[in-house]
Structures are given as C-alpha cells and as structure tokens.
Amino acid sequence: MPLTLAGAGNSGTVKKVGGKAETRQFLETLGFVQGCPVTVVADIGGNVIVKVKESRVAVSREMARHIMV
C-alpha cells in the first residue's frame, strides 16, 4: 500500500519506490530505499512526516504515494 494510506503512528518497511527516475532518485537520497523501516509520524495538511533512518522527513502527499510499504 502507498505510504499515504499508512496513517499516523503506523510502521512498515519500504517495499518499492515508484515514479519517474528523478522522483526515485530524490526519494532514495532522503533515505527511502527498499527494505528500510519507516514510521509515519504525522499526516498534516497533505504532507506526511516520516521517521526514516533516525531522521524525520516531510514529503508531500504526491511524493508519499510513490513509496510502497
């Protein structure tokens, strides 16, 4: 399921990062790589705040829908 459907407080593992090559590269530089554990911290106004690799990252809903957990 896309990260946007996970909901605040839920954890999962990144199964796949989709989208165009530029989108995948951008998300990988933020730490969203296959097999990496992620936790949704909050879903505020369309943006999703995610804990990934001991950091908190805010991504837009559009970007978050490319991350499958």
N, C-alpha and C. Protein backbone atom coordinates (compact mmCIF):
# COMPACT_ATOMS: atom_id res chain seq x y z
N MET A 1 0.85 -1.18 0.00
CA MET A 1 0.00 0.00 0.00
C MET A 1 0.89 1.24 0.00
N PRO A 2 0.40 2.34 -0.55
CA PRO A 2 1.18 3.58 -0.55
C PRO A 2 1.33 4.13 0.87
N LEU A 3 2.40 4.84 1.10
CA LEU A 3 2.67 5.42 2.41
C LEU A 3 1.55 6.36 2.86
N THR A 4 0.85 6.98 1.92
CA THR A 4 -0.23 7.90 2.25
C THR A 4 -1.37 7.21 2.97
N LEU A 5 -1.54 5.91 2.79
CA LEU A 5 -2.62 5.17 3.44
C LEU A 5 -2.22 4.56 4.78
N ALA A 6 -0.95 4.65 5.13
CA ALA A 6 -0.46 4.02 6.36
C ALA A 6 -1.05 4.65 7.61
N GLY A 7 -1.20 5.96 7.65
CA GLY A 7 -1.76 6.62 8.82
C GLY A 7 -0.71 6.90 9.88
N ALA A 8 -0.95 7.94 10.66
CA ALA A 8 0.00 8.36 11.70
C ALA A 8 0.17 7.27 12.75
N GLY A 9 1.41 7.06 13.15
CA GLY A 9 1.72 6.08 14.18
C GLY A 9 2.01 4.69 13.65
N ASN A 10 1.75 4.44 12.39
CA ASN A 10 1.98 3.11 11.81
C ASN A 10 3.39 2.99 11.25
N SER A 11 3.92 1.78 11.35
CA SER A 11 5.26 1.49 10.85
C SER A 11 5.17 0.49 9.72
N GLY A 12 6.22 0.43 8.94
CA GLY A 12 6.30 -0.54 7.85
C GLY A 12 7.69 -0.55 7.27
N THR A 13 7.85 -1.36 6.25
CA THR A 13 9.12 -1.46 5.55
C THR A 13 8.90 -1.06 4.10
N VAL A 14 9.82 -0.29 3.55
CA VAL A 14 9.69 0.14 2.17
C VAL A 14 9.82 -1.08 1.26
N LYS A 15 8.79 -1.35 0.48
CA LYS A 15 8.78 -2.48 -0.45
C LYS A 15 9.24 -2.05 -1.83
N LYS A 16 8.86 -0.83 -2.24
CA LYS A 16 9.17 -0.35 -3.58
C LYS A 16 9.05 1.17 -3.61
N VAL A 17 9.89 1.80 -4.40
CA VAL A 17 9.80 3.23 -4.64
C VAL A 17 9.53 3.40 -6.13
N GLY A 18 8.39 3.99 -6.46
CA GLY A 18 7.99 4.14 -7.85
C GLY A 18 8.16 5.55 -8.36
N GLY A 19 7.60 5.79 -9.53
CA GLY A 19 7.65 7.11 -10.13
C GLY A 19 8.73 7.22 -11.18
N LYS A 20 8.91 8.42 -11.69
CA LYS A 20 9.95 8.69 -12.69
C LYS A 20 11.33 8.51 -12.07
N ALA A 21 12.33 8.40 -12.89
CA ALA A 21 13.70 8.21 -12.41
C ALA A 21 14.13 9.33 -11.46
N GLU A 22 13.75 10.57 -11.78
CA GLU A 22 14.12 11.70 -10.92
C GLU A 22 13.46 11.60 -9.55
N THR A 23 12.19 11.16 -9.55
CA THR A 23 11.45 11.00 -8.29
C THR A 23 12.08 9.92 -7.45
N ARG A 24 12.39 8.78 -8.05
CA ARG A 24 13.01 7.67 -7.31
C ARG A 24 14.36 8.09 -6.73
N GLN A 25 15.15 8.80 -7.52
CA GLN A 25 16.46 9.25 -7.06
C GLN A 25 16.32 10.22 -5.88
N PHE A 26 15.38 11.15 -5.97
CA PHE A 26 15.15 12.11 -4.90
C PHE A 26 14.76 11.40 -3.61
N LEU A 27 13.82 10.46 -3.69
CA LEU A 27 13.37 9.74 -2.51
C LEU A 27 14.47 8.86 -1.93
N GLU A 28 15.30 8.28 -2.78
CA GLU A 28 16.41 7.46 -2.29
C GLU A 28 17.44 8.31 -1.55
N THR A 29 17.66 9.55 -2.00
CA THR A 29 18.61 10.42 -1.29
C THR A 29 18.06 10.83 0.08
N LEU A 30 16.73 10.81 0.23
CA LEU A 30 16.12 11.10 1.54
C LEU A 30 16.16 9.89 2.46
N GLY A 31 16.49 8.72 1.92
CA GLY A 31 16.59 7.51 2.74
C GLY A 31 15.54 6.47 2.47
N PHE A 32 14.64 6.71 1.53
CA PHE A 32 13.59 5.75 1.21
C PHE A 32 14.11 4.72 0.22
N VAL A 33 14.76 3.68 0.75
CA VAL A 33 15.29 2.60 -0.07
C VAL A 33 14.60 1.30 0.31
N GLN A 34 14.56 0.37 -0.62
CA GLN A 34 13.87 -0.90 -0.39
C GLN A 34 14.44 -1.60 0.83
N GLY A 35 13.55 -2.08 1.71
CA GLY A 35 13.94 -2.79 2.92
C GLY A 35 14.14 -1.91 4.14
N CYS A 36 14.07 -0.60 3.97
CA CYS A 36 14.29 0.34 5.07
C CYS A 36 13.01 0.49 5.90
N PRO A 37 13.11 0.40 7.24
CA PRO A 37 11.92 0.62 8.07
C PRO A 37 11.55 2.09 8.14
N VAL A 38 10.24 2.37 8.10
CA VAL A 38 9.73 3.73 8.18
C VAL A 38 8.55 3.78 9.15
N THR A 39 8.36 4.93 9.78
CA THR A 39 7.23 5.16 10.67
C THR A 39 6.59 6.48 10.30
N VAL A 40 5.28 6.48 10.12
CA VAL A 40 4.56 7.73 9.83
C VAL A 40 4.36 8.45 11.16
N VAL A 41 4.93 9.63 11.27
CA VAL A 41 4.83 10.43 12.49
C VAL A 41 3.54 11.24 12.48
N ALA A 42 3.25 11.89 11.35
CA ALA A 42 2.05 12.72 11.25
C ALA A 42 1.65 12.89 9.80
N ASP A 43 0.37 13.20 9.62
CA ASP A 43 -0.19 13.49 8.31
C ASP A 43 -0.90 14.83 8.45
N ILE A 44 -0.21 15.91 8.02
CA ILE A 44 -0.71 17.26 8.27
C ILE A 44 -0.89 18.01 6.95
N GLY A 45 -2.10 18.40 6.67
CA GLY A 45 -2.39 19.25 5.52
C GLY A 45 -1.87 18.72 4.20
N GLY A 46 -1.90 17.42 4.01
CA GLY A 46 -1.43 16.85 2.76
C GLY A 46 0.02 16.42 2.78
N ASN A 47 0.78 16.91 3.73
CA ASN A 47 2.18 16.49 3.87
C ASN A 47 2.27 15.34 4.87
N VAL A 48 3.23 14.47 4.64
CA VAL A 48 3.42 13.32 5.52
C VAL A 48 4.80 13.45 6.16
N ILE A 49 4.84 13.39 7.48
CA ILE A 49 6.11 13.42 8.20
C ILE A 49 6.45 11.99 8.57
N VAL A 50 7.63 11.55 8.15
CA VAL A 50 8.02 10.16 8.29
C VAL A 50 9.37 10.07 9.00
N LYS A 51 9.50 9.10 9.89
CA LYS A 51 10.79 8.82 10.52
C LYS A 51 11.46 7.73 9.69
N VAL A 52 12.60 8.06 9.12
CA VAL A 52 13.35 7.13 8.29
C VAL A 52 14.83 7.28 8.62
N LYS A 53 15.48 6.17 8.93
CA LYS A 53 16.91 6.18 9.27
C LYS A 53 17.23 7.19 10.36
N GLU A 54 16.48 7.16 11.45
CA GLU A 54 16.68 8.03 12.61
C GLU A 54 16.54 9.52 12.31
N SER A 55 15.92 9.87 11.19
CA SER A 55 15.65 11.26 10.85
C SER A 55 14.16 11.42 10.57
N ARG A 56 13.67 12.62 10.74
CA ARG A 56 12.29 12.92 10.37
C ARG A 56 12.31 13.70 9.06
N VAL A 57 11.52 13.23 8.12
CA VAL A 57 11.48 13.82 6.79
C VAL A 57 10.04 14.14 6.45
N ALA A 58 9.79 15.34 5.92
CA ALA A 58 8.46 15.71 5.45
C ALA A 58 8.44 15.60 3.93
N VAL A 59 7.46 14.85 3.42
CA VAL A 59 7.29 14.72 1.98
C VAL A 59 5.84 15.05 1.64
N SER A 60 5.65 15.55 0.44
CA SER A 60 4.29 15.88 0.01
C SER A 60 3.49 14.60 -0.20
N ARG A 61 2.18 14.74 -0.22
CA ARG A 61 1.31 13.59 -0.45
C ARG A 61 1.62 12.96 -1.81
N GLU A 62 1.93 13.81 -2.79
CA GLU A 62 2.26 13.31 -4.13
C GLU A 62 3.50 12.42 -4.10
N MET A 63 4.52 12.84 -3.37
CA MET A 63 5.74 12.03 -3.26
C MET A 63 5.49 10.77 -2.43
N ALA A 64 4.71 10.90 -1.36
CA ALA A 64 4.46 9.77 -0.48
C ALA A 64 3.68 8.66 -1.18
N ARG A 65 2.89 8.99 -2.17
CA ARG A 65 2.13 7.94 -2.85
C ARG A 65 3.01 7.07 -3.74
N HIS A 66 4.26 7.49 -3.98
CA HIS A 66 5.21 6.68 -4.75
C HIS A 66 5.96 5.68 -3.88
N ILE A 67 5.82 5.79 -2.56
CA ILE A 67 6.52 4.91 -1.62
C ILE A 67 5.57 3.82 -1.18
N MET A 68 5.87 2.58 -1.52
CA MET A 68 5.03 1.44 -1.15
C MET A 68 5.59 0.76 0.08
N VAL A 69 4.73 0.53 1.06
CA VAL A 69 5.15 -0.15 2.30
C VAL A 69 4.33 -1.41 2.49
